[in-house]
């Protein structure tokens, strides 16, 4: 057929249509852009191990081994998606074997507790007058290590229970609510703050240039304040998660 329904590029377009609501969409599009440039509209069912190995060798040398592994992971997900759809009409179709990409993650730089405390205190000094929840958010990430950054900023007012004192993490990687007990000192700190309606995000902006009051903190907002405090103290290459 002239419209090449099984053309690789056409299958990528269709796949991305189904995935456009994902947070990782930009990464998926970037990864598959490399593959589309290499495979064009070759019949996806004709792509085998040798073709995938050639594609891996074709990828630019300046890409890290981890990034290449991510590209191949996205490509594998595309083939699994295609297999699930194709096997309804062609039960014999299987995803081809994929070449393995070896990579080694860099060690994350960390700090000792004294340095961590100094950074958190500096965050409080430079940000508390702007919005005390900047300091609270960073302090909580250092205290409650079971909470991931994206889980933290999605906490709503209704998710904070002062008596007996715990957080309900509804939006999380595990995809089921988890409860995190609060320290007494954090419960007392919360009692000094004005509270909002149950549906409001707890980590929200007050009056600030470039943000609407009540708007949830962005994904990198706490990170920016952490880096600013680190710079003030002469501490380098330590990210918020570390």
C-alpha atoms as a PDB file:
ATOM      1  CA  UNK A   1       0.000   0.000   0.000  1.00  0.00           C
ATOM      2  CA  UNK A   2       1.206   3.483  -0.852  1.00  0.00           C
ATOM      3  CA  UNK A   3       0.368   4.850   2.593  1.00  0.00           C
ATOM      4  CA  UNK A   4       2.778   2.341   4.239  1.00  0.00           C
ATOM      5  CA  UNK A   5       0.673   1.573   7.345  1.00  0.00           C
ATOM      6  CA  UNK A   6       3.514  -0.560   8.770  1.00  0.00           C
ATOM      7  CA  UNK A   7       6.199   1.998   7.975  1.00  0.00           C
ATOM      8  CA  UNK A   8       8.391   2.668  11.017  1.00  0.00           C
ATOM      9  CA  UNK A   9       7.915   6.436  10.866  1.00  0.00           C
ATOM     10  CA  UNK A  10       4.140   6.020  10.619  1.00  0.00           C
ATOM     11  CA  UNK A  11       4.103   3.672  13.609  1.00  0.00           C
ATOM     12  CA  UNK A  12       6.157   6.177  15.631  1.00  0.00           C
ATOM     13  CA  UNK A  13       3.636   8.936  14.853  1.00  0.00           C
ATOM     14  CA  UNK A  14       0.788   6.709  15.985  1.00  0.00           C
ATOM     15  CA  UNK A  15       2.640   5.640  19.134  1.00  0.00           C
ATOM     16  CA  UNK A  16       3.404   9.237  20.109  1.00  0.00           C
ATOM     17  CA  UNK A  17      -0.255  10.164  19.672  1.00  0.00           C
ATOM     18  CA  UNK A  18      -1.123   7.648  22.385  1.00  0.00           C
ATOM     19  CA  UNK A  19       1.679   8.881  24.657  1.00  0.00           C
ATOM     20  CA  UNK A  20       1.318  12.662  24.318  1.00  0.00           C
ATOM     21  CA  UNK A  21      -0.218  13.062  27.795  1.00  0.00           C
ATOM     22  CA  UNK A  22       2.805  11.531  29.540  1.00  0.00           C
ATOM     23  CA  UNK A  23       5.301  13.692  31.420  1.00  0.00           C
ATOM     24  CA  UNK A  24       8.058  11.872  29.551  1.00  0.00           C
ATOM     25  CA  UNK A  25       6.604  12.718  26.119  1.00  0.00           C
ATOM     26  CA  UNK A  26       9.413  15.102  25.155  1.00  0.00           C
ATOM     27  CA  UNK A  27      12.014  12.449  25.936  1.00  0.00           C
ATOM     28  CA  UNK A  28      10.090   9.802  23.987  1.00  0.00           C
ATOM     29  CA  UNK A  29       9.860  12.111  20.982  1.00  0.00           C
ATOM     30  CA  UNK A  30      13.567  12.925  21.169  1.00  0.00           C
ATOM     31  CA  UNK A  31      14.603   9.261  21.454  1.00  0.00           C
ATOM     32  CA  UNK A  32      12.371   8.125  18.606  1.00  0.00           C
ATOM     33  CA  UNK A  33      13.552  11.035  16.475  1.00  0.00           C
ATOM     34  CA  UNK A  34      16.967   9.385  16.248  1.00  0.00           C
ATOM     35  CA  UNK A  35      15.361   6.066  15.297  1.00  0.00           C
ATOM     36  CA  UNK A  36      13.105   7.669  12.680  1.00  0.00           C
ATOM     37  CA  UNK A  37      16.097   9.373  11.082  1.00  0.00           C
ATOM     38  CA  UNK A  38      17.824   5.992  10.778  1.00  0.00           C
ATOM     39  CA  UNK A  39      14.952   3.648   9.850  1.00  0.00           C
ATOM     40  CA  UNK A  40      12.761   6.062   7.873  1.00  0.00           C
ATOM     41  CA  UNK A  41       9.599   4.274   6.767  1.00  0.00           C
ATOM     42  CA  UNK A  42      11.048   0.782   6.595  1.00  0.00           C
ATOM     43  CA  UNK A  43       8.456  -1.866   7.440  1.00  0.00           C
ATOM     44  CA  UNK A  44       8.653  -2.197  11.207  1.00  0.00           C
ATOM     45  CA  UNK A  45       8.187  -5.984  10.960  1.00  0.00           C
ATOM     46  CA  UNK A  46      11.342  -6.224   8.842  1.00  0.00           C
ATOM     47  CA  UNK A  47      13.509  -4.625  11.540  1.00  0.00           C
ATOM     48  CA  UNK A  48      15.551  -7.287  13.296  1.00  0.00           C
ATOM     49  CA  UNK A  49      18.495  -7.607  15.686  1.00  0.00           C
ATOM     50  CA  UNK A  50      21.111  -6.735  13.063  1.00  0.00           C
ATOM     51  CA  UNK A  51      19.231  -3.540  12.127  1.00  0.00           C
ATOM     52  CA  UNK A  52      18.974  -2.520  15.780  1.00  0.00           C
ATOM     53  CA  UNK A  53      22.674  -3.194  16.300  1.00  0.00           C
ATOM     54  CA  UNK A  54      23.499  -1.090  13.231  1.00  0.00           C
ATOM     55  CA  UNK A  55      21.302   1.699  14.605  1.00  0.00           C
ATOM     56  CA  UNK A  56      23.131   1.561  17.942  1.00  0.00           C
ATOM     57  CA  UNK A  57      26.480   1.832  16.140  1.00  0.00           C
ATOM     58  CA  UNK A  58      25.094   4.735  14.041  1.00  0.00           C
ATOM     59  CA  UNK A  59      24.139   6.873  17.042  1.00  0.00           C
ATOM     60  CA  UNK A  60      26.465   9.887  17.496  1.00  0.00           C
ATOM     61  CA  UNK A  61      29.602   9.144  19.500  1.00  0.00           C
ATOM     62  CA  UNK A  62      29.106  12.196  21.720  1.00  0.00           C
ATOM     63  CA  UNK A  63      25.959  10.662  23.263  1.00  0.00           C
ATOM     64  CA  UNK A  64      26.591   9.050  26.644  1.00  0.00           C
ATOM     65  CA  UNK A  65      26.139   5.309  27.061  1.00  0.00           C
ATOM     66  CA  UNK A  66      23.275   6.013  29.502  1.00  0.00           C
ATOM     67  CA  UNK A  67      21.498   8.191  26.936  1.00  0.00           C
ATOM     68  CA  UNK A  68      21.938   5.507  24.275  1.00  0.00           C
ATOM     69  CA  UNK A  69      20.491   2.958  26.699  1.00  0.00           C
ATOM     70  CA  UNK A  70      17.498   5.259  27.243  1.00  0.00           C
ATOM     71  CA  UNK A  71      16.978   5.521  23.471  1.00  0.00           C
ATOM     72  CA  UNK A  72      17.025   1.742  23.118  1.00  0.00           C
ATOM     73  CA  UNK A  73      14.638   1.415  26.067  1.00  0.00           C
ATOM     74  CA  UNK A  74      12.141   3.751  24.395  1.00  0.00           C
ATOM     75  CA  UNK A  75      12.551   1.876  21.118  1.00  0.00           C
ATOM     76  CA  UNK A  76      11.898  -1.431  22.870  1.00  0.00           C
ATOM     77  CA  UNK A  77       8.718   0.015  24.427  1.00  0.00           C
ATOM     78  CA  UNK A  78       7.553   1.032  20.944  1.00  0.00           C
ATOM     79  CA  UNK A  79       8.098  -2.510  19.641  1.00  0.00           C
ATOM     80  CA  UNK A  80       6.255  -4.034  22.618  1.00  0.00           C
ATOM     81  CA  UNK A  81       3.329  -1.687  21.936  1.00  0.00           C
ATOM     82  CA  UNK A  82       3.348  -2.707  18.259  1.00  0.00           C
ATOM     83  CA  UNK A  83       3.581  -6.412  19.160  1.00  0.00           C
ATOM     84  CA  UNK A  84       0.509  -6.192  21.397  1.00  0.00           C
ATOM     85  CA  UNK A  85      -1.511  -4.629  18.587  1.00  0.00           C
ATOM     86  CA  UNK A  86      -0.111  -6.793  15.788  1.00  0.00           C
ATOM     87  CA  UNK A  87      -0.564 -10.166  17.476  1.00  0.00           C
ATOM     88  CA  UNK A  88      -4.343  -9.831  17.310  1.00  0.00           C
ATOM     89  CA  UNK A  89      -4.033 -10.356  13.548  1.00  0.00           C
ATOM     90  CA  UNK A  90      -0.618 -12.025  13.428  1.00  0.00           C
ATOM     91  CA  UNK A  91      -0.105 -14.231  16.542  1.00  0.00           C
ATOM     92  CA  UNK A  92       3.368 -15.310  15.398  1.00  0.00           C
ATOM     93  CA  UNK A  93       4.901 -11.803  15.530  1.00  0.00           C
ATOM     94  CA  UNK A  94       7.455 -11.219  18.290  1.00  0.00           C
ATOM     95  CA  UNK A  95       9.576  -8.239  19.268  1.00  0.00           C
ATOM     96  CA  UNK A  96      13.101  -8.750  17.906  1.00  0.00           C
ATOM     97  CA  UNK A  97      15.979  -9.316  20.309  1.00  0.00           C
ATOM     98  CA  UNK A  98      17.632  -6.041  21.305  1.00  0.00           C
ATOM     99  CA  UNK A  99      21.377  -5.446  21.637  1.00  0.00           C
ATOM    100  CA  UNK A 100      22.517  -4.762  25.193  1.00  0.00           C
ATOM    101  CA  UNK A 101      23.909  -1.324  26.043  1.00  0.00           C
ATOM    102  CA  UNK A 102      26.405  -1.335  28.902  1.00  0.00           C
ATOM    103  CA  UNK A 103      26.681   1.831  30.956  1.00  0.00           C
ATOM    104  CA  UNK A 104      27.834   2.899  34.385  1.00  0.00           C
ATOM    105  CA  UNK A 105      26.029   5.587  36.349  1.00  0.00           C
ATOM    106  CA  UNK A 106      28.108   8.335  37.886  1.00  0.00           C
ATOM    107  CA  UNK A 107      28.209   8.487  41.660  1.00  0.00           C
ATOM    108  CA  UNK A 108      25.953  11.196  43.029  1.00  0.00           C
ATOM    109  CA  UNK A 109      27.836  13.722  45.165  1.00  0.00           C
ATOM    110  CA  UNK A 110      26.427  13.899  48.702  1.00  0.00           C
ATOM    111  CA  UNK A 111      27.154  15.924  51.835  1.00  0.00           C
ATOM    112  CA  UNK A 112      27.409  15.101  55.538  1.00  0.00           C
ATOM    113  CA  UNK A 113      24.645  15.981  57.975  1.00  0.00           C
ATOM    114  CA  UNK A 114      26.373  19.128  59.267  1.00  0.00           C
ATOM    115  CA  UNK A 115      26.744  20.546  55.753  1.00  0.00           C
ATOM    116  CA  UNK A 116      23.184  19.568  54.904  1.00  0.00           C
ATOM    117  CA  UNK A 117      21.902  21.398  57.994  1.00  0.00           C
ATOM    118  CA  UNK A 118      23.925  24.479  57.064  1.00  0.00           C
ATOM    119  CA  UNK A 119      22.419  24.527  53.554  1.00  0.00           C
ATOM    120  CA  UNK A 120      18.880  24.136  54.904  1.00  0.00           C
ATOM    121  CA  UNK A 121      19.459  26.988  57.361  1.00  0.00           C
ATOM    122  CA  UNK A 122      20.743  29.153  54.504  1.00  0.00           C
ATOM    123  CA  UNK A 123      17.600  28.294  52.500  1.00  0.00           C
ATOM    124  CA  UNK A 124      15.531  29.510  55.452  1.00  0.00           C
ATOM    125  CA  UNK A 125      17.539  32.728  55.753  1.00  0.00           C
ATOM    126  CA  UNK A 126      17.187  33.727  52.094  1.00  0.00           C
ATOM    127  CA  UNK A 127      13.643  32.507  51.392  1.00  0.00           C
ATOM    128  CA  UNK A 128      11.509  32.479  54.550  1.00  0.00           C
ATOM    129  CA  UNK A 129      10.389  36.092  54.107  1.00  0.00           C
ATOM    130  CA  UNK A 130       9.328  35.292  50.534  1.00  0.00           C
ATOM    131  CA  UNK A 131       7.502  32.042  51.250  1.00  0.00           C
ATOM    132  CA  UNK A 132       8.178  29.821  54.303  1.00  0.00           C
ATOM    133  CA  UNK A 133       7.072  26.755  52.346  1.00  0.00           C
ATOM    134  CA  UNK A 134      10.277  26.863  50.291  1.00  0.00           C
ATOM    135  CA  UNK A 135      12.269  26.072  53.434  1.00  0.00           C
ATOM    136  CA  UNK A 136       9.639  23.603  54.679  1.00  0.00           C
ATOM    137  CA  UNK A 137       9.687  21.703  51.380  1.00  0.00           C
ATOM    138  CA  UNK A 138      13.469  21.341  51.340  1.00  0.00           C
ATOM    139  CA  UNK A 139      13.571  20.445  55.040  1.00  0.00           C
ATOM    140  CA  UNK A 140      10.929  17.759  54.498  1.00  0.00           C
ATOM    141  CA  UNK A 141      12.845  16.240  51.570  1.00  0.00           C
ATOM    142  CA  UNK A 142      15.876  15.949  53.851  1.00  0.00           C
ATOM    143  CA  UNK A 143      13.810  14.538  56.733  1.00  0.00           C
ATOM    144  CA  UNK A 144      11.288  12.198  55.112  1.00  0.00           C
ATOM    145  CA  UNK A 145      13.417  10.306  52.598  1.00  0.00           C
ATOM    146  CA  UNK A 146      10.502   8.131  51.441  1.00  0.00           C
ATOM    147  CA  UNK A 147       8.971  11.197  49.742  1.00  0.00           C
ATOM    148  CA  UNK A 148      10.181  11.977  46.240  1.00  0.00           C
ATOM    149  CA  UNK A 149      10.342  15.616  45.073  1.00  0.00           C
ATOM    150  CA  UNK A 150       7.440  15.287  42.601  1.00  0.00           C
ATOM    151  CA  UNK A 151       5.327  13.610  45.315  1.00  0.00           C
ATOM    152  CA  UNK A 152       6.049  16.448  47.730  1.00  0.00           C
ATOM    153  CA  UNK A 153       4.910  19.309  45.509  1.00  0.00           C
ATOM    154  CA  UNK A 154       1.645  17.500  44.757  1.00  0.00           C
ATOM    155  CA  UNK A 155       0.565  17.372  48.419  1.00  0.00           C
ATOM    156  CA  UNK A 156      -2.715  19.226  48.975  1.00  0.00           C
ATOM    157  CA  UNK A 157      -4.035  20.873  52.131  1.00  0.00           C
ATOM    158  CA  UNK A 158      -6.366  17.923  52.751  1.00  0.00           C
ATOM    159  CA  UNK A 159      -3.345  15.583  52.748  1.00  0.00           C
ATOM    160  CA  UNK A 160      -1.841  17.123  55.895  1.00  0.00           C
ATOM    161  CA  UNK A 161      -3.337  15.684  59.082  1.00  0.00           C
ATOM    162  CA  UNK A 162      -2.115  17.623  62.136  1.00  0.00           C
ATOM    163  CA  UNK A 163      -3.646  15.300  64.710  1.00  0.00           C
ATOM    164  CA  UNK A 164      -1.991  12.809  65.140  1.00  0.00           C
ATOM    165  CA  UNK A 165       0.439  14.251  62.561  1.00  0.00           C
ATOM    166  CA  UNK A 166       1.085  12.622  59.172  1.00  0.00           C
ATOM    167  CA  UNK A 167       1.109  13.251  55.433  1.00  0.00           C
ATOM    168  CA  UNK A 168      -0.968  11.350  52.873  1.00  0.00           C
ATOM    169  CA  UNK A 169       0.979  10.946  49.632  1.00  0.00           C
ATOM    170  CA  UNK A 170      -1.725  10.254  47.067  1.00  0.00           C
ATOM    171  CA  UNK A 171       0.209  10.910  43.849  1.00  0.00           C
ATOM    172  CA  UNK A 172       3.257   8.678  43.884  1.00  0.00           C
ATOM    173  CA  UNK A 173       5.323   6.156  41.956  1.00  0.00           C
ATOM    174  CA  UNK A 174       3.755   3.217  43.792  1.00  0.00           C
ATOM    175  CA  UNK A 175       0.308   4.349  42.540  1.00  0.00           C
ATOM    176  CA  UNK A 176      -1.348   3.790  45.892  1.00  0.00           C
ATOM    177  CA  UNK A 177      -1.628   6.206  48.836  1.00  0.00           C
ATOM    178  CA  UNK A 178       1.130   6.061  51.443  1.00  0.00           C
ATOM    179  CA  UNK A 179       1.174   7.676  54.880  1.00  0.00           C
ATOM    180  CA  UNK A 180       4.257   9.395  56.292  1.00  0.00           C
ATOM    181  CA  UNK A 181       4.355  10.281  60.039  1.00  0.00           C
ATOM    182  CA  UNK A 182       5.422  13.843  60.849  1.00  0.00           C
ATOM    183  CA  UNK A 183       7.885  14.868  63.555  1.00  0.00           C
ATOM    184  CA  UNK A 184       6.376  16.912  66.386  1.00  0.00           C
ATOM    185  CA  UNK A 185       8.512  19.934  65.448  1.00  0.00           C
ATOM    186  CA  UNK A 186       7.064  19.920  61.913  1.00  0.00           C
ATOM    187  CA  UNK A 187       3.518  19.650  63.243  1.00  0.00           C
ATOM    188  CA  UNK A 188       4.185  22.691  65.446  1.00  0.00           C
ATOM    189  CA  UNK A 189       5.637  24.629  62.487  1.00  0.00           C
ATOM    190  CA  UNK A 190       2.533  23.864  60.435  1.00  0.00           C
ATOM    191  CA  UNK A 191       0.276  25.172  63.187  1.00  0.00           C
ATOM    192  CA  UNK A 192       1.868  28.626  62.834  1.00  0.00           C
ATOM    193  CA  UNK A 193       0.991  28.858  59.131  1.00  0.00           C
ATOM    194  CA  UNK A 194      -2.355  29.940  57.658  1.00  0.00           C
ATOM    195  CA  UNK A 195      -4.109  27.007  55.990  1.00  0.00           C
ATOM    196  CA  UNK A 196      -6.073  26.981  52.756  1.00  0.00           C
ATOM    197  CA  UNK A 197      -9.067  25.156  51.335  1.00  0.00           C
ATOM    198  CA  UNK A 198      -8.720  21.351  51.141  1.00  0.00           C
ATOM    199  CA  UNK A 199      -8.323  21.218  47.338  1.00  0.00           C
ATOM    200  CA  UNK A 200      -5.426  23.718  47.221  1.00  0.00           C
ATOM    201  CA  UNK A 201      -1.834  22.567  46.786  1.00  0.00           C
ATOM    202  CA  UNK A 202       0.100  23.067  50.021  1.00  0.00           C
ATOM    203  CA  UNK A 203       3.282  24.058  48.188  1.00  0.00           C
ATOM    204  CA  UNK A 204       1.858  27.022  46.315  1.00  0.00           C
ATOM    205  CA  UNK A 205       3.105  30.473  45.444  1.00  0.00           C
ATOM    206  CA  UNK A 206       2.178  33.597  47.292  1.00  0.00           C
ATOM    207  CA  UNK A 207       2.498  36.983  45.581  1.00  0.00           C
ATOM    208  CA  UNK A 208       5.543  36.617  43.325  1.00  0.00           C
ATOM    209  CA  UNK A 209       6.662  38.019  40.009  1.00  0.00           C
ATOM    210  CA  UNK A 210       6.102  35.464  37.250  1.00  0.00           C
ATOM    211  CA  UNK A 211       3.688  33.256  39.220  1.00  0.00           C
ATOM    212  CA  UNK A 212       0.034  33.475  40.161  1.00  0.00           C
ATOM    213  CA  UNK A 213      -0.853  33.346  43.878  1.00  0.00           C
ATOM    214  CA  UNK A 214      -2.127  29.852  44.641  1.00  0.00           C
ATOM    215  CA  UNK A 215      -0.259  28.232  41.748  1.00  0.00           C
ATOM    216  CA  UNK A 216       1.618  25.036  42.628  1.00  0.00           C
ATOM    217  CA  UNK A 217       5.408  25.147  42.857  1.00  0.00           C
ATOM    218  CA  UNK A 218       7.082  24.102  39.621  1.00  0.00           C
ATOM    219  CA  UNK A 219       9.184  20.948  39.468  1.00  0.00           C
ATOM    220  CA  UNK A 220      12.484  22.849  39.684  1.00  0.00           C
ATOM    221  CA  UNK A 221      11.441  25.620  42.080  1.00  0.00           C
ATOM    222  CA  UNK A 222      12.837  24.061  45.269  1.00  0.00           C
ATOM    223  CA  UNK A 223      15.943  22.957  43.367  1.00  0.00           C
ATOM    224  CA  UNK A 224      16.690  26.568  42.366  1.00  0.00           C
ATOM    225  CA  UNK A 225      16.573  27.720  45.990  1.00  0.00           C
ATOM    226  CA  UNK A 226      18.745  24.796  47.091  1.00  0.00           C
ATOM    227  CA  UNK A 227      21.384  25.697  44.473  1.00  0.00           C
ATOM    228  CA  UNK A 228      21.264  29.358  45.466  1.00  0.00           C
ATOM    229  CA  UNK A 229      21.879  28.465  49.133  1.00  0.00           C
ATOM    230  CA  UNK A 230      24.745  26.151  48.097  1.00  0.00           C
ATOM    231  CA  UNK A 231      26.355  28.933  46.062  1.00  0.00           C
ATOM    232  CA  UNK A 232      26.122  31.319  49.015  1.00  0.00           C
ATOM    233  CA  UNK A 233      28.023  28.791  51.139  1.00  0.00           C
ATOM    234  CA  UNK A 234      30.572  27.937  48.463  1.00  0.00           C
ATOM    235  CA  UNK A 235      29.281  24.377  48.000  1.00  0.00           C
ATOM    236  CA  UNK A 236      29.306  23.025  44.446  1.00  0.00           C
ATOM    237  CA  UNK A 237      27.939  20.068  42.453  1.00  0.00           C
ATOM    238  CA  UNK A 238      25.459  18.876  45.106  1.00  0.00           C
ATOM    239  CA  UNK A 239      21.927  18.545  43.748  1.00  0.00           C
ATOM    240  CA  UNK A 240      18.779  18.666  45.855  1.00  0.00           C
ATOM    241  CA  UNK A 241      18.065  14.939  45.604  1.00  0.00           C
ATOM    242  CA  UNK A 242      21.614  14.064  46.735  1.00  0.00           C
END
